[in-house]
Amino acid sequence: MKIQKSIIILSRKVILLALGVSLFACSNKQQGMQQGIPDYAVITVEPTPATLNSSYPATIQGRQDVEIRPNVSGFITKLCVDEGAVVKKGQTLFLIDPVQYEAAVNVARAAVNVAQANVSTAKLTAENKRELAKKNIISEYDLQMAENTLASQEAALAQAQAQLINAENNLSYTKVTSPSDGVVGTFPYRVGSLVSPSSATPLTTVSDISEMYVYFSMNEKQVLDMIRQANGSTTDILNELPEVELQLADGTIYSEKGKISTLSGVIDQTTGAASIRATFKNPEQLLRSGGSGNIMIPVKNEAAIIIPQKTTYELQDKKFVFVVTDSSTVVSTEIKVLPQSDGQQYIVSSGLKPGDRIVAEGVGTSVRNGMKINPITPEQASARLQQAAQQTAAMGNAKK
């Protein structure tokens, strides 16, 4: 009896154990099925007013950058300003040794005096010949010779005067002056350097930076889009374009806004781009000629479909997103975006409509076309990440 009772008790334990194992296996199977459908953050596409900035690399030039070159040869005897100085039109920048040019002026002036004396003598002779000719004392030939001599001496005087003017100009060129208001550049030549009009390097550059020209380029497609929007009129294009901003080399935005003033009518066959110029005021002279930056052109859209760039992936120069269907299946969908971009978001021109749901994470890595997911909100995904990070930190502290 005791043996039978023990067998019965043992049998009951085995049955209970088998039931437990079965229940555990079913539980694990259900969990495995749930784990087979991963969670992914999903966002719903909605139209919204937006302004994005298109960025274009740009170079900065003064309104007028004038290379200063000598008109005469000689040794520099004095630098009248320093590099970076603000100068006025007509202000002396350099002095070139004037000795030889002063001597040339003196020689030319003496030649003028001689020519004037010769003209006076020729006039007296001609007048005398005229009187004698009236009295038929001399022949017409003698009179004509006197007239020709007078004309020759007057021409010699004019030539001497021209040479004097040229010598005086050369002397004035020994004072190299600024042709405009602006800021002086660097000095490749110093006192004692021999310079000439044929020197390859200019003495310096004077930049008028009261107003700055910022040059950038657009590709042919972008130019065509602009022209079509303005009905093909360059004037309308320039009038319709909004004010632009300039991002400086340090990443800051220049305080003054600019206006696009010119659009080249020629597409460069080498680059496939057209040159565009924007004009900026420079009251504080913060901008300097030769600088660089980025032109920021704002693009406004009252009902734009904007998506984060991280929700897209590229394949053969085309952009795609994963659209989530009503059955929670993801479908790879091609989209087209506007060329304007702020580096973080895209404005979608086709491929999506308001109300569509797209996958917001794992795009291009773990998400595959046709897979089934469990859609969650970005907030839920963020909360789970935070929770996982906290658990990881707690486990790390526990091991310590």
Foldseek 3Di string as FASTA:
>chain_A
DVVVVVVVVVVVVVVVVVVVVVVVVVVVVVVVVVVQFAEFAKDFWFWAKDKFWFKFKKAKAFPDKDFFAFAFWAFWADAPDAAFDWDFAFAFGTAGDLVVLVVQLVVLVVQLVVLVVQLVVLVVLLVVVVVCVVVVNDDPVSNVVSVVSNVVSVVSNVVSVVSNVVSVVNSVSSGGGHRGTATKHHAPDDGGDIHGRPDPHGRTIGGNHQKMKMKGKDAPVVVVVLCVVQVNDPVSSQVPFDWKWWQFPVRDIDPWTWGWDDWDPDQDPVVRITMTIIMTGQNPVPDDHRGITMIIGMDIDRTWGKDWPQQWDDDPNWIWWWWQDPQQWTAIWTWDFDSGDNVTMTTTPDGDDGGIMTGRPPPPHPDDHGRHHDYDHPVVVVVVVVVVVVVVVVVVVVVD
